[in-house]
Protein backbone atom coordinates (compact mmCIF):
# COMPACT_ATOMS: atom_id res chain seq x y z
CA MET A 1 -81.00 26.48 -56.20
CA GLN A 2 -78.17 28.79 -56.62
CA PHE A 3 -74.80 27.92 -57.67
CA PRO A 4 -71.77 29.32 -56.87
CA ASP A 5 -69.39 30.75 -59.56
CA LEU A 6 -66.50 28.69 -59.50
CA PRO A 7 -63.12 29.77 -60.77
CA PHE A 8 -62.66 27.63 -63.54
CA ASP A 9 -59.77 29.08 -65.01
CA ASP A 10 -57.64 28.01 -61.76
CA ILE A 11 -58.15 24.32 -62.51
CA PRO A 12 -55.15 23.02 -64.39
CA GLU A 13 -55.88 21.08 -67.84
CA VAL A 14 -54.87 17.50 -67.88
CA LEU A 15 -52.46 17.31 -70.67
CA VAL A 16 -51.45 13.65 -70.12
CA SER A 17 -53.57 10.51 -68.00
CA TYR A 18 -51.86 7.57 -66.69
CA HIS A 19 -53.84 4.20 -66.66
CA PHE A 20 -52.67 0.84 -64.96
CA GLU A 21 -54.39 -1.84 -66.96
CA GLY A 22 -53.90 -5.21 -64.55
CA VAL A 23 -50.39 -3.97 -63.61
CA ALA A 24 -49.15 -2.05 -60.88
CA PHE A 25 -45.80 0.21 -60.33
CA ASP A 26 -44.58 3.46 -58.86
CA LEU A 27 -44.75 6.42 -61.31
CA PRO A 28 -42.81 8.78 -59.73
CA ASP A 29 -43.88 12.64 -59.93
CA GLN A 30 -46.27 12.53 -62.87
CA TYR A 31 -46.29 16.26 -62.81
CA ALA A 32 -42.34 16.61 -64.02
CA LEU A 33 -43.26 13.59 -66.23
CA THR A 34 -46.26 15.64 -67.73
CA ASP A 35 -44.55 18.98 -68.05
CA TRP A 36 -41.20 17.08 -69.87
CA LEU A 37 -43.28 15.44 -72.35
CA VAL A 38 -44.91 18.66 -73.29
CA GLU A 39 -41.77 20.41 -73.69
CA VAL A 40 -40.44 17.47 -76.07
CA ALA A 41 -43.74 18.31 -78.02
CA THR A 42 -42.63 22.32 -77.74
CA GLN A 43 -38.90 21.40 -78.90
CA GLU A 44 -40.16 19.09 -81.68
CA GLY A 45 -42.42 22.31 -82.72
CA LYS A 46 -46.18 20.39 -82.27
CA ASP A 47 -49.11 21.46 -79.74
CA PHE A 48 -49.68 19.28 -77.26
CA TYR A 49 -53.21 18.39 -77.40
CA GLU A 50 -53.59 15.18 -74.94
CA VAL A 51 -52.05 12.09 -74.48
CA SER A 52 -52.95 8.89 -72.13
CA TYR A 53 -50.61 6.28 -71.43
CA ILE A 54 -51.79 2.91 -70.79
CA PHE A 55 -49.82 0.59 -68.84
CA CYS A 56 -50.59 -3.14 -69.42
CA SER A 57 -48.94 -6.63 -69.68
CA ASP A 58 -47.11 -8.47 -72.43
CA GLU A 59 -50.65 -10.29 -73.23
CA HIS A 60 -52.72 -7.36 -73.23
CA LEU A 61 -50.28 -5.55 -75.37
CA ARG A 62 -50.13 -8.60 -77.75
CA GLY A 63 -53.57 -8.75 -78.19
CA ILE A 64 -53.74 -5.00 -78.83
CA ASN A 65 -50.84 -5.61 -81.63
CA VAL A 66 -53.01 -8.67 -83.20
CA GLU A 67 -56.38 -7.08 -83.09
CA TYR A 68 -55.33 -3.31 -84.68
CA LEU A 69 -52.24 -4.09 -86.06
CA ASP A 70 -52.20 -7.48 -87.17
CA HIS A 71 -48.79 -8.40 -86.03
CA ASP A 72 -48.67 -11.42 -83.82
CA TYR A 73 -45.81 -10.31 -81.54
CA TYR A 74 -44.57 -8.79 -78.24
CA THR A 75 -43.90 -5.31 -78.11
CA ASP A 76 -43.07 -2.94 -75.75
CA VAL A 77 -44.75 0.04 -77.30
CA ILE A 78 -47.81 0.71 -79.50
CA THR A 79 -49.05 4.21 -80.57
CA PHE A 80 -52.40 5.51 -81.44
CA ALA A 81 -52.47 8.95 -83.20
CA LEU A 82 -55.51 10.79 -82.91
CA SER A 83 -54.24 14.06 -84.95
CA GLU A 84 -51.62 14.51 -87.40
CA GLU A 85 -51.98 18.15 -86.33
CA SER A 86 -50.68 17.97 -82.59
CA ILE A 87 -49.45 15.40 -79.94
CA HIS A 88 -52.79 13.70 -79.33
CA GLY A 89 -52.96 10.02 -78.93
CA ASP A 90 -53.12 6.84 -76.84
CA ILE A 91 -49.84 5.01 -76.23
CA PHE A 92 -50.18 1.72 -75.08
CA ILE A 93 -46.80 0.31 -72.91
CA SER A 94 -46.27 -3.24 -71.81
CA SER A 95 -44.33 -2.48 -68.23
CA GLU A 96 -43.27 -6.42 -68.53
CA ARG A 97 -41.42 -5.80 -71.64
CA VAL A 98 -40.14 -2.57 -70.20
CA GLU A 99 -38.69 -4.51 -67.35
CA GLU A 100 -37.14 -7.17 -69.23
CA ASN A 101 -35.58 -4.47 -71.95
CA ALA A 102 -34.38 -2.37 -68.78
CA ARG A 103 -32.55 -5.58 -67.32
CA THR A 104 -30.97 -6.24 -71.12
CA GLU A 105 -29.57 -2.68 -71.60
CA GLY A 106 -28.15 -2.44 -67.68
CA VAL A 107 -30.53 0.12 -66.91
CA PRO A 108 -32.84 1.38 -64.25
CA PHE A 109 -36.77 0.49 -65.09
CA LEU A 110 -37.85 4.12 -64.68
CA TYR A 111 -35.18 5.43 -67.44
CA GLU A 112 -36.41 2.56 -69.48
CA LEU A 113 -39.92 3.56 -69.07
CA CYS A 114 -39.20 7.23 -69.71
CA ARG A 115 -37.51 6.46 -72.83
CA VAL A 116 -40.66 4.11 -74.21
CA MET A 117 -42.77 7.22 -73.04
CA VAL A 118 -41.04 9.55 -74.78
CA HIS A 119 -40.67 7.32 -77.91
CA GLY A 120 -44.50 7.36 -77.72
CA VAL A 121 -44.70 10.87 -78.21
CA LEU A 122 -41.84 11.00 -80.97
CA HIS A 123 -44.01 8.91 -82.78
CA LEU A 124 -47.20 11.19 -82.65
CA ALA A 125 -44.49 13.75 -83.39
CA GLY A 126 -44.00 12.31 -86.94
CA TYR A 127 -41.29 10.29 -86.42
CA GLY A 128 -41.03 6.63 -87.48
CA ASP A 129 -38.57 3.93 -86.62
CA LYS A 130 -39.15 1.18 -89.67
CA SER A 131 -35.83 1.64 -91.27
CA LEU A 132 -32.49 1.53 -89.92
CA GLU A 133 -32.28 5.26 -90.40
CA GLU A 134 -35.48 6.12 -88.74
CA ALA A 135 -34.81 4.04 -85.82
CA ALA A 136 -31.09 5.64 -85.48
CA MET A 137 -32.65 9.13 -85.52
CA MET A 138 -35.36 8.13 -82.83
CA ARG A 139 -33.05 6.68 -80.64
CA ARG A 140 -30.84 9.84 -81.01
CA LYS A 141 -34.17 11.83 -80.17
CA GLU A 142 -34.66 9.51 -77.20
CA ASP A 143 -31.29 9.98 -75.79
CA TYR A 144 -31.23 13.93 -75.92
CA TYR A 145 -34.43 14.09 -74.36
CA LEU A 146 -33.66 11.39 -71.52
CA GLN A 147 -30.61 13.90 -70.99
CA HIS A 148 -33.61 16.72 -69.83
CA LEU A 149 -35.70 14.57 -67.89
CA PRO A 150 -36.25 16.14 -64.15
CA VAL A 151 -37.49 12.77 -62.56
CA ILE A 152 -34.34 11.00 -62.92
CA ASN A 153 -31.53 13.14 -63.52
């Protein structure tokens, strides 16, 4: 059997994948989100290799926090870097925690979700948030990049 030549150069490379683990919500224009996240990496001087977003429940993320980080508390995002040279990793996000944060901050769910998504990319770019100074820098970066997000602006 002879297989035809296929134009593999025309197949777009998947740089960001989005997975839902026991939660469901609309994630608008994933292509625009991906382009935005790749642009964040470019602005930060990092090559964007691959990122998997896993949206999950509070309990699921707390379980990951306990098992892998030995932290027994809820959080909105946990980032696992797979490379120090490029943006490559897994970012787990509790959609329940994001929803609660959005209500507390008085912002739309999508806005807060994008804040947490870019927060994960900034971690992969090398930014921390443990000290007050690091957290302030992280927030400034998040705010800057959110101003350039096409799906909510």
